[in-house]
Amino acid sequence: MGHLLSLLLATAAVAAGQVAVAAKPASTANVTQPAVAARPVLVLVLNSKYAQVFENFVRAPGAVHMAQFDVHVICTDREMDGELSKLGWRCRTTVIARGGGASRVYTKRIPYVVSLIRMGRDVLICDIDAIWIRDPLPKLLATRAGIVSSPGLSPGDAIKKYGVAFCMGFIFIRGSDLKVRDAMFALTKPMREDQGDFNQNMMREGLEYDTIKVGFTNETSYGRLHARGKSYDGLRVAMLPRSRFMRQCSPNTDFTATGNVVIAHCHSHGKQPYLKTKILSEMKLWFVPPPADGISVPQPDTDPPMPEPGTQAWTAWHNRSTQ
């Protein structure tokens, strides 16, 4: 475990010091790429079983707004590097996860995230089935709290007490907030399963919301840690409105750019890739084109997926898409 943590810390430290390698596109269409050190970090974790789910993620209508982030992809098997290269992406680091199911895979991101936060970086953790419909960054930056989460559906203890839980599939953690940096050890120990343990740790550290029971409201809800005598006492947290950062989806919802939804993270009743594909298809949020039947020679993709931001491939892709 010590070797793993050392590897993650070293990788994150190198990543944090990198500079942008691509010139800013001539036409940005309201998407800007500030200097890497000034950008929040977007952390994604995946393995090769989810390669097509990731392709769908970067084909989503709001995916272009990821260019405002310093994107770090953590791969949990070596096959994923080859799958990503086909899409114009790369693994920032590879941490092998053997056994333990999907929860073990997701928990691999926590030491990496903590290392970035301790360096003062603001970090957005996002699952690759949390589909970007619109730009989430303005809302995240405008929400005056150290930890800003979309509403989660588990664990049961948090739901019972507060009516809501922190969702590790879309959560913004401000490493620029001293109280957040001070709290990270307490909030990530233990960390056997990230969402369950993170919520339990929040409860242990005295989380209380400003209202008696938050529930899944349509307004941003605020709370704080009541950790008397600790440096992070008073740390502000916020729960995003469920109508705009959705976990429970309906086929009748307007998921187009003209609607109100920012992130559609539709609950799939399981973490297997086929269940992710199924629910996204049902919600009309599946953007990967079907294979062409009966065509012996592959045809060029007229609407290719977005390559990794900060690369020459992304600049070329973005220039084409804004012409």
Protein backbone atom coordinates (compact mmCIF):
# COMPACT_ATOMS: atom_id res chain seq x y z
CA MET A 1 0.00 0.00 0.00
CA GLY A 2 2.92 2.34 0.79
CA HIS A 3 4.39 1.75 -2.67
CA LEU A 4 1.00 2.43 -4.30
CA LEU A 5 0.54 5.69 -2.39
CA SER A 6 4.08 6.79 -3.26
CA LEU A 7 3.39 6.10 -6.95
CA LEU A 8 0.15 8.07 -6.87
CA LEU A 9 1.73 11.01 -5.06
CA ALA A 10 4.63 11.15 -7.49
CA THR A 11 2.35 10.94 -10.53
CA ALA A 12 0.02 13.65 -9.23
CA ALA A 13 2.95 15.93 -8.39
CA VAL A 14 4.37 15.63 -11.89
CA ALA A 15 0.92 16.17 -13.43
CA ALA A 16 0.33 19.27 -11.35
CA GLY A 17 3.46 20.90 -12.70
CA GLN A 18 2.83 20.30 -16.38
CA VAL A 19 2.17 23.11 -18.84
CA ALA A 20 -0.33 23.16 -21.68
CA VAL A 21 1.03 21.61 -24.88
CA ALA A 22 -1.50 22.93 -27.37
CA ALA A 23 -2.16 26.43 -28.59
CA LYS A 24 -5.52 27.97 -27.78
CA PRO A 25 -7.94 27.43 -30.68
CA ALA A 26 -8.63 30.47 -32.84
CA SER A 27 -12.35 30.00 -32.19
CA THR A 28 -13.22 28.83 -28.70
CA ALA A 29 -17.02 29.07 -28.78
CA ASN A 30 -17.07 30.10 -25.09
CA VAL A 31 -14.66 27.31 -24.12
CA THR A 32 -11.35 28.56 -22.76
CA GLN A 33 -8.22 26.76 -21.63
CA PRO A 34 -6.53 28.68 -18.78
CA ALA A 35 -3.03 27.76 -17.62
CA VAL A 36 -2.91 24.25 -16.18
CA ALA A 37 -2.02 25.38 -12.66
CA ALA A 38 -5.10 27.63 -12.57
CA ARG A 39 -7.52 24.98 -13.77
CA PRO A 40 -9.46 22.63 -11.53
CA VAL A 41 -8.54 18.98 -12.06
CA LEU A 42 -11.08 16.55 -13.50
CA VAL A 43 -10.35 13.01 -12.28
CA LEU A 44 -11.77 10.05 -14.21
CA VAL A 45 -11.18 6.37 -13.43
CA LEU A 46 -11.93 3.48 -15.76
CA ASN A 47 -10.89 0.10 -17.08
CA SER A 48 -11.13 -1.52 -20.50
CA LYS A 49 -14.57 -3.01 -19.82
CA TYR A 50 -15.92 0.55 -19.85
CA ALA A 51 -14.15 1.69 -23.03
CA GLN A 52 -17.37 2.23 -24.97
CA VAL A 53 -19.05 3.93 -22.00
CA PHE A 54 -16.09 6.33 -21.95
CA GLU A 55 -16.44 6.94 -25.69
CA ASN A 56 -20.07 7.85 -25.08
CA PHE A 57 -18.97 10.16 -22.25
CA VAL A 58 -16.68 12.19 -24.53
CA ARG A 59 -19.31 12.31 -27.30
CA ALA A 60 -21.87 13.97 -25.00
CA PRO A 61 -23.07 17.47 -25.99
CA GLY A 62 -21.42 19.16 -23.00
CA ALA A 63 -18.14 17.22 -23.13
CA VAL A 64 -16.35 20.14 -24.82
CA HIS A 65 -16.46 22.01 -21.50
CA MET A 66 -13.97 19.53 -20.03
CA ALA A 67 -11.32 21.64 -21.78
CA GLN A 68 -11.61 24.09 -18.87
CA PHE A 69 -10.18 21.37 -16.61
CA ASP A 70 -6.82 19.68 -16.28
CA VAL A 71 -8.08 16.16 -17.09
CA HIS A 72 -6.45 13.20 -15.34
CA VAL A 73 -7.50 9.68 -16.40
CA ILE A 74 -6.63 6.87 -13.97
CA CYS A 75 -6.67 3.47 -15.68
CA THR A 76 -7.09 0.32 -13.61
CA ASP A 77 -5.92 -2.21 -16.18
CA ARG A 78 -3.21 -2.08 -18.84
CA GLU A 79 -5.58 -2.81 -21.73
CA MET A 80 -7.30 0.55 -21.25
CA ASP A 81 -4.26 2.47 -22.48
CA GLY A 82 -4.69 0.94 -25.94
CA GLU A 83 -8.42 1.60 -25.94
CA LEU A 84 -7.88 5.23 -24.99
CA SER A 85 -5.26 5.81 -27.66
CA LYS A 86 -7.86 4.91 -30.31
CA LEU A 87 -9.92 7.86 -29.06
CA GLY A 88 -7.01 10.29 -28.79
CA TRP A 89 -6.67 9.97 -25.02
CA ARG A 90 -4.08 8.51 -22.63
CA CYS A 91 -3.85 7.15 -19.11
CA ARG A 92 -2.30 9.70 -16.76
CA THR A 93 -1.43 6.79 -14.48
CA THR A 94 -2.27 3.08 -14.26
CA VAL A 95 -3.15 1.46 -10.94
CA ILE A 96 -4.03 -2.20 -11.24
CA ALA A 97 -7.20 -3.18 -9.37
CA ARG A 98 -7.54 -6.93 -8.90
CA GLY A 99 -10.73 -8.31 -7.45
CA GLY A 100 -13.24 -6.56 -5.23
CA GLY A 101 -15.58 -5.45 -8.02
CA ALA A 102 -16.39 -1.95 -9.20
CA SER A 103 -16.23 -0.38 -5.74
CA ARG A 104 -12.55 -1.36 -5.48
CA VAL A 105 -11.88 0.24 -8.87
CA TYR A 106 -13.51 3.52 -7.86
CA THR A 107 -11.77 3.62 -4.48
CA LYS A 108 -8.40 3.61 -6.30
CA ARG A 109 -8.94 7.29 -7.17
CA ILE A 110 -9.05 8.48 -3.56
CA PRO A 111 -5.28 8.55 -2.72
CA TYR A 112 -4.66 10.30 -6.04
CA VAL A 113 -7.35 12.90 -5.36
CA VAL A 114 -6.11 13.49 -1.80
CA SER A 115 -2.57 14.13 -3.09
CA LEU A 116 -3.89 16.78 -5.51
CA ILE A 117 -5.98 18.43 -2.80
CA ARG A 118 -3.00 18.62 -0.46
CA MET A 119 -1.18 20.51 -3.21
CA GLY A 120 -4.00 23.06 -3.19
CA ARG A 121 -5.70 21.91 -6.41
CA ASP A 122 -9.48 22.01 -6.77
CA VAL A 123 -10.70 18.58 -7.95
CA LEU A 124 -13.86 17.35 -9.64
CA ILE A 125 -14.38 13.59 -9.39
CA CYS A 126 -16.72 12.40 -12.13
CA ASP A 127 -17.99 8.97 -13.17
CA ILE A 128 -17.97 8.33 -16.91
CA ASP A 129 -21.72 7.64 -16.94
CA ALA A 130 -22.37 11.14 -15.53
CA ILE A 131 -23.23 12.76 -18.85
CA TRP A 132 -22.36 16.43 -19.37
CA ILE A 133 -25.31 18.18 -20.99
CA ARG A 134 -24.21 21.72 -20.16
CA ASP A 135 -21.17 23.35 -18.56
CA PRO A 136 -21.07 22.54 -14.79
CA LEU A 137 -18.14 24.79 -13.91
CA PRO A 138 -20.02 28.10 -13.45
CA LYS A 139 -22.35 26.52 -10.89
CA LEU A 140 -19.50 24.75 -9.10
CA LEU A 141 -17.44 27.93 -8.83
CA ALA A 142 -20.42 30.04 -7.74
CA THR A 143 -21.35 27.63 -4.93
CA ARG A 144 -19.66 28.98 -1.80
CA ALA A 145 -18.60 25.76 -0.10
CA GLY A 146 -15.44 23.69 0.22
CA ILE A 147 -17.14 20.46 -0.87
CA VAL A 148 -19.92 20.56 -3.47
CA SER A 149 -21.74 17.34 -4.40
CA SER A 150 -24.54 16.10 -6.58
CA PRO A 151 -27.26 14.29 -4.60
CA GLY A 152 -26.54 10.58 -4.08
CA LEU A 153 -28.83 7.65 -3.33
CA SER A 154 -26.67 5.84 -0.75
CA PRO A 155 -25.61 4.91 1.90
CA GLY A 156 -28.85 4.34 3.75
CA ASP A 157 -27.65 5.86 7.03
CA ALA A 158 -27.00 9.21 5.37
CA ILE A 159 -30.31 9.12 3.50
CA LYS A 160 -32.15 8.33 6.72
CA LYS A 161 -30.51 11.18 8.64
CA TYR A 162 -30.32 13.92 6.01
CA GLY A 163 -32.54 12.78 3.14
CA VAL A 164 -29.50 12.94 0.84
CA ALA A 165 -25.94 11.63 0.50
CA PHE A 166 -22.71 12.81 -1.10
CA CYS A 167 -22.32 11.23 -4.54
CA MET A 168 -18.71 10.31 -5.34
CA GLY A 169 -19.72 10.08 -8.99
CA PHE A 170 -19.89 13.88 -9.23
CA ILE A 171 -18.29 15.83 -6.40
CA PHE A 172 -16.17 19.00 -6.40
CA ILE A 173 -13.56 19.32 -3.64
CA ARG A 174 -11.74 22.63 -3.22
CA GLY A 175 -8.11 22.03 -2.34
CA SER A 176 -7.70 25.81 -2.38
CA ASP A 177 -9.76 25.85 0.86
CA LEU A 178 -7.50 25.36 3.90
CA LYS A 179 -10.28 23.71 5.90
CA VAL A 180 -10.76 21.16 3.11
CA ARG A 181 -7.05 20.32 3.08
CA ASP A 182 -7.08 19.91 6.85
CA ALA A 183 -10.18 17.68 6.74
CA MET A 184 -9.09 15.27 4.01
CA PHE A 185 -7.33 12.79 6.28
CA ALA A 186 -10.38 12.45 8.52
CA LEU A 187 -12.82 12.30 5.59
CA THR A 188 -10.92 9.57 3.71
CA LYS A 189 -9.99 7.23 6.59
CA PRO A 190 -11.13 4.52 6.43
CA MET A 191 -11.76 4.24 2.69
CA ARG A 192 -12.75 0.70 1.79
CA GLU A 193 -15.62 1.81 -0.46
CA ASP A 194 -15.47 5.46 -1.35
CA GLN A 195 -19.08 6.63 -1.25
CA GLY A 196 -20.17 4.65 1.78
CA ASP A 197 -17.11 5.50 3.83
CA PHE A 198 -17.00 9.18 2.75
CA ASN A 199 -20.57 9.70 3.94
CA GLN A 200 -19.97 7.80 7.18
CA ASN A 201 -16.87 9.91 7.81
CA MET A 202 -18.87 13.09 7.18
CA MET A 203 -21.41 11.98 9.76
CA ARG A 204 -18.66 11.13 12.25
CA GLU A 205 -17.16 14.61 11.82
CA GLY A 206 -20.43 16.30 12.76
CA LEU A 207 -22.09 17.15 9.45
CA GLU A 208 -25.28 19.15 9.89
CA TYR A 209 -27.30 20.95 7.21
CA ASP A 210 -28.80 24.40 7.62
CA THR A 211 -32.28 22.88 7.25
CA ILE A 212 -33.57 20.00 9.37
CA LYS A 213 -33.70 17.51 6.51
CA VAL A 214 -32.36 18.33 3.08
CA GLY A 215 -34.10 15.77 0.87
CA PHE A 216 -33.76 15.98 -2.89
CA THR A 217 -34.63 19.66 -3.20
CA ASN A 218 -34.57 21.79 -6.32
CA GLU A 219 -32.31 24.36 -4.64
CA THR A 220 -28.71 24.18 -3.50
CA SER A 221 -28.59 23.11 0.16
CA TYR A 222 -25.79 24.09 2.53
CA GLY A 223 -24.34 22.57 5.66
CA ARG A 224 -21.18 22.52 7.75
CA LEU A 225 -18.99 20.24 9.85
CA HIS A 226 -19.32 20.71 13.59
CA ALA A 227 -15.92 19.33 14.54
CA ARG A 228 -15.21 21.22 17.75
CA GLY A 229 -11.56 21.80 18.50
CA LYS A 230 -10.43 20.69 15.02
CA SER A 231 -8.92 22.98 12.38
CA TYR A 232 -11.67 22.12 9.91
CA ASP A 233 -14.54 22.96 12.25
CA GLY A 234 -17.09 24.95 10.25
CA LEU A 235 -16.10 23.52 6.85
CA ARG A 236 -18.96 24.44 4.50
CA VAL A 237 -20.50 21.82 2.22
CA ALA A 238 -23.21 22.08 -0.42
CA MET A 239 -25.64 19.74 -2.13
CA LEU A 240 -26.51 20.66 -5.72
CA PRO A 241 -30.14 20.82 -6.91
CA ARG A 242 -31.45 17.44 -8.07
CA SER A 243 -33.37 18.95 -11.00
CA ARG A 244 -30.14 20.11 -12.62
CA PHE A 245 -27.69 17.47 -11.38
CA MET A 246 -29.86 14.40 -11.86
CA ARG A 247 -29.42 10.94 -10.37
CA GLN A 248 -32.93 9.64 -10.93
CA CYS A 249 -33.76 10.13 -14.59
CA SER A 250 -36.90 9.89 -16.68
CA PRO A 251 -37.25 9.42 -20.46
CA ASN A 252 -39.57 12.43 -20.39
CA THR A 253 -36.81 14.77 -19.17
CA ASP A 254 -35.44 17.31 -21.65
CA PHE A 255 -31.77 16.33 -21.82
CA THR A 256 -31.00 18.68 -24.70
CA ALA A 257 -28.86 21.80 -24.36
CA THR A 258 -32.04 23.91 -24.23
CA GLY A 259 -33.23 22.16 -21.06
CA ASN A 260 -32.30 22.77 -17.44
CA VAL A 261 -30.21 19.65 -16.78
CA VAL A 262 -26.46 20.15 -16.38
CA ILE A 263 -25.36 16.60 -15.47
CA ALA A 264 -27.42 13.45 -16.09
CA HIS A 265 -25.99 10.69 -13.89
CA CYS A 266 -28.79 8.20 -14.36
CA HIS A 267 -29.03 5.44 -11.76
CA SER A 268 -28.54 2.07 -13.47
CA HIS A 269 -29.26 -0.42 -10.62
CA GLY A 270 -25.77 -1.88 -11.02
CA LYS A 271 -22.28 -0.98 -12.16
CA GLN A 272 -21.83 -3.46 -15.02
CA PRO A 273 -21.07 -1.83 -18.39
CA TYR A 274 -24.15 -3.31 -20.09
CA LEU A 275 -26.40 -1.75 -17.43
CA LYS A 276 -24.79 1.64 -18.00
CA THR A 277 -25.35 1.28 -21.75
CA LYS A 278 -28.94 0.17 -21.18
CA ILE A 279 -30.01 3.08 -18.99
CA LEU A 280 -28.23 5.67 -21.14
CA SER A 281 -29.90 4.28 -24.26
CA GLU A 282 -33.30 4.35 -22.56
CA MET A 283 -32.76 8.00 -21.63
CA LYS A 284 -31.61 8.86 -25.17
CA LEU A 285 -28.17 9.70 -23.81
CA TRP A 286 -26.24 7.16 -25.90
CA PHE A 287 -24.20 8.99 -28.53
CA VAL A 288 -21.97 6.23 -29.94
CA PRO A 289 -23.12 5.52 -33.51
CA PRO A 290 -24.17 1.92 -34.24
CA PRO A 291 -21.82 -0.20 -36.38
CA ALA A 292 -22.56 -0.01 -40.10
CA ASP A 293 -24.00 -3.32 -41.29
CA GLY A 294 -23.03 -4.77 -44.64
CA ILE A 295 -20.19 -2.33 -45.33
CA SER A 296 -16.90 -4.08 -46.02
CA VAL A 297 -14.78 -0.91 -45.99
CA PRO A 298 -15.05 1.15 -42.76
CA GLN A 299 -16.36 4.64 -43.41
CA PRO A 300 -14.75 7.71 -41.81
CA ASP A 301 -16.46 8.98 -38.68
CA THR A 302 -18.02 12.30 -39.71
CA ASP A 303 -18.60 13.24 -36.07
CA PRO A 304 -15.62 11.77 -34.14
CA PRO A 305 -15.46 11.73 -30.34
CA MET A 306 -13.66 14.52 -28.56
CA PRO A 307 -9.91 13.87 -28.09
CA GLU A 308 -8.12 14.70 -24.86
CA PRO A 309 -8.12 18.46 -24.17
CA GLY A 310 -4.73 20.15 -24.22
CA THR A 311 -3.48 18.16 -27.20
CA GLN A 312 -3.02 19.07 -30.85
CA ALA A 313 -5.73 16.53 -31.72
CA TRP A 314 -8.20 18.39 -29.48
CA THR A 315 -7.30 21.74 -31.08
CA ALA A 316 -7.89 20.31 -34.56
CA TRP A 317 -11.15 18.64 -33.47
CA HIS A 318 -12.42 21.82 -31.81
CA ASN A 319 -11.55 24.01 -34.77
CA ARG A 320 -13.51 21.65 -37.08
CA SER A 321 -16.50 21.49 -34.72
CA THR A 322 -16.79 25.27 -34.46
CA GLN A 323 -16.49 26.06 -38.17
